[in-house]
Amino acid sequence: MNTLNNKHLLGIKNLNYDEIDLIFNTADKFKEVLTRPIKKVPSLRHITVANIFFENSTRTKLSFELAEKRLSAEILNFSSLESSVKKGESLLDTIKNILVMNKNKKILGIGELDEDFKIKPKVVFNAIG
């Protein structure tokens, strides 16, 4: 098996044995990367990743950034505390504005959308553009 059955990994509950095995085998390959003098692989070269956080986060933000840098991604960090979200801009508009800046962008964040695209905190979501 070379790929997961689902495009987005949001938990392990629905993974089969082969998918779990693939995840561990992939992790083992990345362990080797950490022993190199230059701890990078070109997997996300020319891709911009925008990290969107709607609540304070230190470990998650730093671990995302470190992983993205090791995959050679370009990184944009977004904090709702310093944005138009404080003035009432919806998450959907915020994401659209970020995506307009670069077509090769992936967006990861923390929060949950309600029916009006407003944030309800403390649930993980993933929006890909």
Protein backbone atom coordinates (compact mmCIF):
# COMPACT_ATOMS: atom_id res chain seq x y z
CA MET A 1 0.00 0.00 0.00
CA ASN A 2 1.38 3.42 -1.02
CA THR A 3 -1.43 5.80 -0.07
CA LEU A 4 -4.12 6.21 2.55
CA ASN A 5 -7.71 5.53 1.52
CA ASN A 6 -8.81 9.00 2.66
CA LYS A 7 -7.22 12.27 1.55
CA HIS A 8 -7.44 13.84 5.03
CA LEU A 9 -6.18 12.16 8.19
CA LEU A 10 -8.32 13.48 11.04
CA GLY A 11 -7.98 10.49 13.35
CA ILE A 12 -7.04 6.81 13.40
CA LYS A 13 -10.39 5.25 14.24
CA ASN A 14 -11.20 4.37 10.61
CA LEU A 15 -7.72 3.32 9.50
CA ASN A 16 -7.07 -0.28 8.54
CA TYR A 17 -3.90 -2.23 9.41
CA ASP A 18 -2.19 -1.45 6.09
CA GLU A 19 -2.78 2.29 6.50
CA ILE A 20 -1.37 2.29 10.03
CA ASP A 21 1.61 0.29 8.79
CA LEU A 22 2.15 2.85 6.00
CA ILE A 23 2.13 5.71 8.53
CA PHE A 24 4.74 3.99 10.74
CA ASN A 25 6.93 3.07 7.76
CA THR A 26 6.81 6.65 6.51
CA ALA A 27 7.70 7.93 9.99
CA ASP A 28 10.70 5.57 10.07
CA LYS A 29 11.94 7.06 6.79
CA PHE A 30 11.67 10.56 8.24
CA LYS A 31 13.70 9.51 11.29
CA GLU A 32 16.61 9.03 8.90
CA VAL A 33 16.20 12.60 7.65
CA LEU A 34 16.77 13.87 11.20
CA THR A 35 20.25 12.32 11.23
CA ARG A 36 21.36 14.32 8.18
CA PRO A 37 23.36 17.55 8.43
CA ILE A 38 20.59 19.28 6.45
CA LYS A 39 17.28 18.07 7.86
CA LYS A 40 15.12 18.83 4.81
CA VAL A 41 13.36 16.97 2.03
CA PRO A 42 11.79 18.63 -1.05
CA SER A 43 8.27 17.23 -0.53
CA LEU A 44 6.59 20.66 -0.23
CA ARG A 45 9.05 22.74 -2.26
CA HIS A 46 7.21 25.60 -4.04
CA ILE A 47 4.15 25.09 -1.80
CA THR A 48 3.05 27.77 0.66
CA VAL A 49 1.45 26.54 3.87
CA ALA A 50 -0.66 28.96 5.90
CA ASN A 51 -1.09 28.10 9.56
CA ILE A 52 -4.29 29.67 10.87
CA PHE A 53 -4.73 29.79 14.64
CA PHE A 54 -7.82 31.17 16.35
CA GLU A 55 -6.55 30.59 19.86
CA ASN A 56 -3.14 30.80 21.48
CA SER A 57 -0.90 27.87 20.66
CA THR A 58 2.79 27.38 21.26
CA ARG A 59 3.62 23.68 20.87
CA THR A 60 1.21 23.08 17.99
CA LYS A 61 2.31 26.18 16.08
CA LEU A 62 6.01 25.41 16.55
CA SER A 63 5.67 21.71 15.70
CA PHE A 64 3.69 22.57 12.52
CA GLU A 65 6.32 25.14 11.51
CA LEU A 66 9.22 22.78 12.14
CA ALA A 67 7.61 19.98 10.13
CA GLU A 68 6.75 22.37 7.27
CA LYS A 69 10.30 23.73 7.17
CA ARG A 70 11.73 20.20 7.11
CA LEU A 71 9.46 19.49 4.13
CA SER A 72 10.80 22.67 2.41
CA ALA A 73 7.48 24.55 2.51
CA GLU A 74 7.08 28.31 2.43
CA ILE A 75 5.21 29.30 5.61
CA LEU A 76 2.63 31.97 6.44
CA ASN A 77 1.45 32.22 10.04
CA PHE A 78 -1.95 33.73 10.78
CA SER A 79 -3.31 34.71 14.17
CA SER A 80 -6.93 35.81 14.50
CA LEU A 81 -5.90 38.09 17.38
CA GLU A 82 -4.12 40.35 14.85
CA SER A 83 -6.57 40.15 11.94
CA SER A 84 -9.85 41.36 10.48
CA VAL A 85 -11.58 38.42 12.18
CA LYS A 86 -11.64 40.65 15.27
CA LYS A 87 -13.71 43.13 13.20
CA GLY A 88 -16.20 40.45 12.16
CA GLU A 89 -14.67 39.08 8.95
CA SER A 90 -15.80 35.49 8.43
CA LEU A 91 -13.37 32.59 8.35
CA LEU A 92 -14.41 31.86 4.77
CA ASP A 93 -13.46 35.40 3.69
CA THR A 94 -10.19 35.16 5.60
CA ILE A 95 -9.30 31.88 3.89
CA LYS A 96 -10.28 33.24 0.46
CA ASN A 97 -8.05 36.28 0.99
CA ILE A 98 -5.09 34.10 1.98
CA LEU A 99 -5.62 31.75 -0.97
CA VAL A 100 -5.70 34.66 -3.44
CA MET A 101 -2.13 35.49 -2.45
CA ASN A 102 -0.75 32.18 -3.73
CA LYS A 103 -2.36 29.36 -5.70
CA ASN A 104 -0.08 26.68 -4.21
CA LYS A 105 -1.31 27.00 -0.65
CA LYS A 106 -2.47 24.54 2.00
CA ILE A 107 -4.30 25.85 5.05
CA LEU A 108 -4.25 24.21 8.47
CA GLY A 109 -5.87 25.65 11.54
CA ILE A 110 -7.50 25.16 14.87
CA GLY A 111 -11.17 25.93 15.41
CA GLU A 112 -14.58 24.90 14.15
CA LEU A 113 -16.96 26.73 11.82
CA ASP A 114 -20.56 27.32 12.69
CA GLU A 115 -23.24 27.76 10.02
CA ASP A 116 -22.25 31.43 9.58
CA PHE A 117 -18.55 30.59 9.12
CA LYS A 118 -17.71 31.97 12.54
CA ILE A 119 -15.18 30.17 14.73
CA LYS A 120 -16.10 27.89 17.61
CA PRO A 121 -12.74 27.16 19.32
CA LYS A 122 -10.96 23.94 20.30
CA VAL A 123 -11.86 21.59 17.43
CA VAL A 124 -9.35 20.77 14.68
CA PHE A 125 -10.25 21.50 11.07
CA ASN A 126 -8.37 21.37 7.81
CA ALA A 127 -9.16 23.46 4.74
CA ILE A 128 -7.25 22.79 1.55
CA GLY A 129 -7.16 25.29 -1.29
